[in-house]
């Protein structure tokens, strides 16, 4: 998981995703999901320094958002892991990996649209001191980001990315073979380094958000801004738009190249992981179903 200061600020459903990922790693998805409200409230309080009255007023909004998430997003998650399970059984191809990535994009947009809707009422009632504190936090994080420049920083990020990919694959399929580690190194070293451009984009959007908050923008205006930013990526520079396609090709290459190298034990572990996740996201629903995938 990314270190704390790199989490996109104010995207409160990052807490939900973090809880789900942590739960998946420990085979406790249901526990993580059912305690997500506590996790999110603690995250929001830590990041924004909320007053008790603000937390009390926000609780119904958060509860409604989590219910909407359960009704609308869990069927999407169940369908995603069911598709991944079928692909793992039949073999990863460029076509079915492309379909999985399309499904993931739908998941992302659904989660973060809901995040924007949940966060906007809370942001709209921040007082001057809270906005000042948030701006100071943004500035501190921007200074830390700006320090990560130069060839040394690029190499450091590349090493961290390769380790992160290897750790993730170890969890999904078990210990990698030397051949598989070679494939992973080959793919990850060709992935673009998007950090500097992303930091600049995020810093600009954060400044726009602070300006909106200082101007007393309405919940609706803040919600629209957040959706434009974190869902639609409006104003994204050309370098990041290009990098998105390169990253997608890299992830596709990784799965297509790794698939034929899986040992029987690795394939079994992968299918067990995917089955457990699909079944958990089905069981968490009030009326279990899987959303149509479209491919």
Protein backbone atom coordinates (compact mmCIF):
# COMPACT_ATOMS: atom_id res chain seq x y z
CA UNK A 1 0.00 0.00 0.00
CA UNK A 2 1.22 3.52 -0.77
CA UNK A 3 2.62 5.49 2.13
CA UNK A 4 0.16 7.73 3.88
CA UNK A 5 1.21 11.09 2.50
CA UNK A 6 0.69 9.94 -1.10
CA UNK A 7 -2.95 9.03 -0.65
CA UNK A 8 -5.14 11.40 -2.68
CA UNK A 9 -6.42 13.74 0.00
CA UNK A 10 -10.12 13.88 0.76
CA UNK A 11 -11.03 10.87 -1.34
CA UNK A 12 -12.59 9.23 1.64
CA UNK A 13 -13.48 5.96 0.02
CA UNK A 14 -9.79 5.25 -0.28
CA UNK A 15 -10.34 4.09 3.28
CA UNK A 16 -12.90 1.57 2.07
CA UNK A 17 -10.53 0.28 -0.59
CA UNK A 18 -7.67 0.12 1.88
CA UNK A 19 -9.82 -1.83 4.29
CA UNK A 20 -10.87 -4.24 1.56
CA UNK A 21 -7.31 -4.79 0.40
CA UNK A 22 -6.08 -5.29 3.93
CA UNK A 23 -8.90 -7.71 4.55
CA UNK A 24 -8.14 -9.61 1.35
CA UNK A 25 -4.55 -10.06 2.40
CA UNK A 26 -5.69 -11.61 5.68
CA UNK A 27 -8.72 -13.45 4.25
CA UNK A 28 -11.00 -11.20 6.29
CA UNK A 29 -12.77 -9.18 3.62
CA UNK A 30 -16.14 -9.41 5.34
CA UNK A 31 -14.83 -8.14 8.66
CA UNK A 32 -12.97 -5.29 6.93
CA UNK A 33 -16.02 -4.26 4.94
CA UNK A 34 -18.41 -4.42 7.86
CA UNK A 35 -16.18 -2.12 9.92
CA UNK A 36 -15.45 0.29 7.07
CA UNK A 37 -17.65 3.02 8.58
CA UNK A 38 -15.43 3.21 11.65
CA UNK A 39 -12.30 3.21 9.50
CA UNK A 40 -13.56 6.01 7.26
CA UNK A 41 -14.71 8.20 10.13
CA UNK A 42 -11.31 7.85 11.80
CA UNK A 43 -9.54 8.67 8.52
CA UNK A 44 -11.69 11.75 7.89
CA UNK A 45 -11.25 12.96 11.46
CA UNK A 46 -7.48 12.52 11.26
CA UNK A 47 -7.19 14.30 7.93
CA UNK A 48 -9.62 17.14 8.53
CA UNK A 49 -9.65 17.61 12.30
CA UNK A 50 -13.43 17.41 12.60
CA UNK A 51 -15.57 18.77 15.43
CA UNK A 52 -17.97 16.38 17.14
CA UNK A 53 -20.96 18.19 15.64
CA UNK A 54 -19.50 17.86 12.14
CA UNK A 55 -18.96 14.13 12.62
CA UNK A 56 -22.49 13.71 13.90
CA UNK A 57 -24.00 15.59 10.95
CA UNK A 58 -21.88 13.61 8.47
CA UNK A 59 -22.70 10.16 9.87
CA UNK A 60 -26.06 9.79 8.02
CA UNK A 61 -24.36 10.80 4.75
CA UNK A 62 -21.63 8.22 5.26
CA UNK A 63 -24.10 5.51 6.23
CA UNK A 64 -26.19 6.20 3.12
CA UNK A 65 -23.09 6.13 0.92
CA UNK A 66 -22.01 2.78 2.35
CA UNK A 67 -25.46 1.33 1.73
CA UNK A 68 -25.35 2.59 -1.85
CA UNK A 69 -21.89 1.06 -2.16
CA UNK A 70 -23.21 -2.28 -0.91
CA UNK A 71 -26.13 -2.20 -3.35
CA UNK A 72 -24.35 -0.86 -6.44
CA UNK A 73 -20.63 -1.56 -6.17
CA UNK A 74 -20.45 -4.99 -4.53
CA UNK A 75 -22.19 -6.66 -7.51
CA UNK A 76 -19.55 -5.03 -9.72
CA UNK A 77 -16.75 -6.32 -7.48
CA UNK A 78 -18.20 -9.83 -7.44
CA UNK A 79 -18.49 -9.80 -11.24
CA UNK A 80 -14.93 -8.52 -11.61
CA UNK A 81 -13.43 -11.35 -9.55
CA UNK A 82 -15.67 -13.90 -11.25
CA UNK A 83 -14.38 -12.72 -14.63
CA UNK A 84 -10.80 -12.88 -13.38
CA UNK A 85 -11.41 -16.42 -12.12
CA UNK A 86 -12.74 -17.54 -15.50
CA UNK A 87 -9.78 -15.94 -17.26
CA UNK A 88 -7.32 -17.61 -14.88
CA UNK A 89 -8.89 -21.00 -15.63
CA UNK A 90 -8.90 -20.55 -19.40
CA UNK A 91 -5.67 -18.58 -19.72
CA UNK A 92 -4.99 -14.86 -19.88
CA UNK A 93 -5.16 -13.33 -23.35
CA UNK A 94 -4.90 -9.74 -24.49
CA UNK A 95 -8.64 -9.67 -25.14
CA UNK A 96 -9.77 -10.97 -21.77
CA UNK A 97 -7.21 -8.87 -19.88
CA UNK A 98 -8.47 -5.82 -21.78
CA UNK A 99 -11.99 -6.71 -20.64
CA UNK A 100 -10.79 -7.01 -17.03
CA UNK A 101 -9.15 -3.60 -17.22
CA UNK A 102 -12.36 -2.13 -18.64
CA UNK A 103 -14.25 -3.63 -15.70
CA UNK A 104 -11.70 -2.19 -13.30
CA UNK A 105 -12.21 1.26 -14.79
CA UNK A 106 -15.96 0.96 -14.21
CA UNK A 107 -15.23 -0.07 -10.61
CA UNK A 108 -12.90 2.87 -10.13
CA UNK A 109 -15.40 5.38 -11.45
CA UNK A 110 -18.22 3.98 -9.36
CA UNK A 111 -16.18 3.99 -6.15
CA UNK A 112 -14.81 7.48 -6.56
CA UNK A 113 -18.05 9.05 -7.75
CA UNK A 114 -19.56 7.78 -4.52
CA UNK A 115 -16.52 9.10 -2.66
CA UNK A 116 -17.05 12.58 -4.09
CA UNK A 117 -20.73 12.53 -3.17
CA UNK A 118 -19.90 11.48 0.40
CA UNK A 119 -17.03 13.93 0.88
CA UNK A 120 -18.67 17.07 -0.51
CA UNK A 121 -21.05 17.77 2.41
CA UNK A 122 -18.21 17.41 4.88
CA UNK A 123 -15.86 19.68 2.96
CA UNK A 124 -18.55 22.31 2.47
CA UNK A 125 -18.84 22.95 6.19
CA UNK A 126 -15.15 23.15 7.12
CA UNK A 127 -14.42 26.32 9.05
CA UNK A 128 -11.59 28.76 8.36
CA UNK A 129 -9.15 27.16 10.79
CA UNK A 130 -9.78 23.71 9.33
CA UNK A 131 -9.25 25.01 5.79
CA UNK A 132 -6.03 26.70 6.90
CA UNK A 133 -4.81 23.44 8.46
CA UNK A 134 -5.73 21.48 5.34
CA UNK A 135 -3.85 23.94 3.16
CA UNK A 136 -0.76 23.65 5.38
CA UNK A 137 -0.94 19.88 5.08
CA UNK A 138 -1.21 20.09 1.30
CA UNK A 139 1.80 22.42 1.18
CA UNK A 140 3.87 20.10 3.37
CA UNK A 141 3.07 17.12 1.18
CA UNK A 142 3.84 19.15 -1.96
CA UNK A 143 7.29 20.04 -0.56
CA UNK A 144 7.96 16.38 0.18
CA UNK A 145 6.88 15.42 -3.32
CA UNK A 146 9.06 18.12 -4.88
CA UNK A 147 12.10 16.71 -3.08
CA UNK A 148 11.73 13.44 -4.98
CA UNK A 149 13.42 14.61 -8.17
CA UNK A 150 16.47 13.62 -10.15
CA UNK A 151 17.87 10.35 -11.48
CA UNK A 152 18.33 8.89 -8.02
CA UNK A 153 14.67 9.37 -7.17
CA UNK A 154 13.61 7.83 -10.49
CA UNK A 155 15.69 4.72 -9.82
CA UNK A 156 14.38 4.49 -6.27
CA UNK A 157 10.76 4.60 -7.47
CA UNK A 158 11.51 1.96 -10.10
CA UNK A 159 12.98 -0.38 -7.47
CA UNK A 160 10.01 0.18 -5.16
CA UNK A 161 7.57 -0.48 -8.01
CA UNK A 162 9.29 -3.74 -8.92
CA UNK A 163 9.24 -4.87 -5.27
CA UNK A 164 5.59 -3.92 -4.94
CA UNK A 165 4.64 -5.90 -8.02
CA UNK A 166 6.66 -8.89 -6.81
CA UNK A 167 5.06 -8.77 -3.35
CA UNK A 168 1.60 -8.60 -4.90
CA UNK A 169 2.27 -11.54 -7.17
CA UNK A 170 3.67 -13.54 -4.26
CA UNK A 171 0.36 -13.08 -2.48
CA UNK A 172 -1.73 -14.04 -5.51
CA UNK A 173 0.19 -17.10 -6.70
CA UNK A 174 2.88 -17.89 -4.13
CA UNK A 175 6.64 -17.62 -4.42
CA UNK A 176 7.76 -16.60 -7.90
CA UNK A 177 10.22 -18.63 -9.91
CA UNK A 178 13.40 -17.04 -11.24
CA UNK A 179 11.85 -16.97 -14.72
CA UNK A 180 8.77 -15.18 -13.41
CA UNK A 181 10.88 -12.63 -11.55
CA UNK A 182 12.75 -11.98 -14.78
CA UNK A 183 9.47 -11.33 -16.62
CA UNK A 184 8.34 -9.00 -13.86
CA UNK A 185 11.61 -7.03 -13.94
CA UNK A 186 11.45 -6.76 -17.72
CA UNK A 187 7.89 -5.43 -17.69
CA UNK A 188 8.23 -3.02 -14.76
CA UNK A 189 11.43 -1.39 -16.01
CA UNK A 190 9.56 -0.26 -19.13
CA UNK A 191 6.65 1.29 -17.21
CA UNK A 192 6.63 5.09 -17.28
CA UNK A 193 7.59 7.10 -14.21
CA UNK A 194 4.50 9.25 -13.74
CA UNK A 195 5.26 10.58 -10.25
CA UNK A 196 6.52 14.13 -11.06
CA UNK A 197 3.71 14.88 -13.51
CA UNK A 198 1.12 13.37 -11.18
CA UNK A 199 2.40 15.44 -8.24
CA UNK A 200 2.09 18.62 -10.30
CA UNK A 201 -1.42 17.76 -11.44
CA UNK A 202 -2.55 16.88 -7.92
CA UNK A 203 -0.98 20.01 -6.42
CA UNK A 204 -2.82 22.20 -8.90
CA UNK A 205 -6.15 20.51 -8.14
CA UNK A 206 -5.58 20.81 -4.41
CA UNK A 207 -5.02 24.55 -4.78
CA UNK A 208 -8.24 24.81 -6.75
CA UNK A 209 -10.06 22.91 -4.02
CA UNK A 210 -8.73 25.21 -1.28
CA UNK A 211 -9.86 28.23 -3.31
CA UNK A 212 -13.36 26.74 -3.61
CA UNK A 213 -13.53 26.07 0.12
CA UNK A 214 -12.39 29.62 0.97
CA UNK A 215 -15.03 31.02 -1.38
CA UNK A 216 -17.77 29.10 0.48
CA UNK A 217 -18.67 26.86 -2.45
CA UNK A 218 -21.84 24.78 -2.13
CA UNK A 219 -21.92 21.01 -1.64
CA UNK A 220 -23.04 20.63 -5.24
CA UNK A 221 -20.16 22.73 -6.59
CA UNK A 222 -17.60 20.84 -4.51
CA UNK A 223 -19.05 17.49 -5.56
CA UNK A 224 -18.85 18.48 -9.23
CA UNK A 225 -15.25 19.61 -8.79
CA UNK A 226 -14.25 16.35 -7.10
CA UNK A 227 -15.89 14.25 -9.81
CA UNK A 228 -14.20 16.30 -12.54
CA UNK A 229 -10.89 15.77 -10.75
CA UNK A 230 -10.81 12.24 -9.34
CA UNK A 231 -13.24 10.49 -11.70
CA UNK A 232 -12.95 12.27 -15.04
CA UNK A 233 -9.37 13.57 -14.61
CA UNK A 234 -10.20 16.85 -16.31
CA UNK A 235 -7.15 18.91 -17.14
CA UNK A 236 -4.86 15.88 -17.08
CA UNK A 237 -1.63 16.74 -18.94
CA UNK A 238 -0.84 14.95 -22.19
CA UNK A 239 2.09 13.11 -20.61
CA UNK A 240 -0.20 11.44 -18.07
CA UNK A 241 -2.84 10.60 -20.66
CA UNK A 242 -0.14 8.86 -22.70
CA UNK A 243 1.24 7.12 -19.61
CA UNK A 244 -2.19 5.68 -18.86
CA UNK A 245 -2.11 3.75 -22.12
CA UNK A 246 1.46 2.62 -21.51
CA UNK A 247 0.59 1.36 -18.05
CA UNK A 248 -2.40 -0.54 -19.41
CA UNK A 249 -0.19 -2.22 -22.02
CA UNK A 250 2.37 -3.05 -19.32
CA UNK A 251 -0.20 -4.70 -17.04
CA UNK A 252 -1.56 -6.65 -20.00
CA UNK A 253 1.91 -7.84 -21.00
CA UNK A 254 2.63 -8.92 -17.45
CA UNK A 255 -0.44 -11.14 -17.13
CA UNK A 256 -0.20 -12.57 -20.64
CA UNK A 257 3.48 -13.42 -20.19
CA UNK A 258 3.18 -14.76 -16.66
CA UNK A 259 0.10 -16.91 -17.25
CA UNK A 260 1.80 -19.74 -19.19
CA UNK A 261 4.56 -19.94 -16.55
CA UNK A 262 2.25 -20.68 -13.59
CA UNK A 263 2.94 -23.97 -11.87
CA UNK A 264 -0.06 -26.16 -10.94
CA UNK A 265 0.30 -25.03 -7.32
CA UNK A 266 0.42 -21.35 -8.34
CA UNK A 267 -2.63 -21.70 -10.55
CA UNK A 268 -4.53 -23.41 -7.74
CA UNK A 269 -3.64 -20.66 -5.28
CA UNK A 270 -4.67 -17.95 -7.74
CA UNK A 271 -8.03 -19.61 -8.36
CA UNK A 272 -8.61 -20.02 -4.63
CA UNK A 273 -7.87 -16.34 -4.00
CA UNK A 274 -10.21 -15.19 -6.75
CA UNK A 275 -12.97 -17.58 -5.68
CA UNK A 276 -12.77 -16.37 -2.08
CA UNK A 277 -12.97 -12.73 -3.10
CA UNK A 278 -15.90 -13.32 -5.44
CA UNK A 279 -17.77 -15.29 -2.79
CA UNK A 280 -17.09 -12.72 -0.08
CA UNK A 281 -18.41 -9.86 -2.20
CA UNK A 282 -21.49 -11.91 -2.97
CA UNK A 283 -22.08 -12.75 0.70
CA UNK A 284 -21.76 -9.11 1.78
CA UNK A 285 -24.76 -8.09 -0.35
CA UNK A 286 -28.30 -7.96 0.98
CA UNK A 287 -29.56 -9.54 -2.24
CA UNK A 288 -26.57 -11.30 -3.82
CA UNK A 289 -26.03 -10.78 -7.52
CA UNK A 290 -23.30 -10.16 -10.04
CA UNK A 291 -23.49 -7.15 -12.33
CA UNK A 292 -23.32 -7.72 -16.10
CA UNK A 293 -19.81 -7.21 -17.41
CA UNK A 294 -20.47 -6.29 -21.03
CA UNK A 295 -17.72 -8.55 -22.35
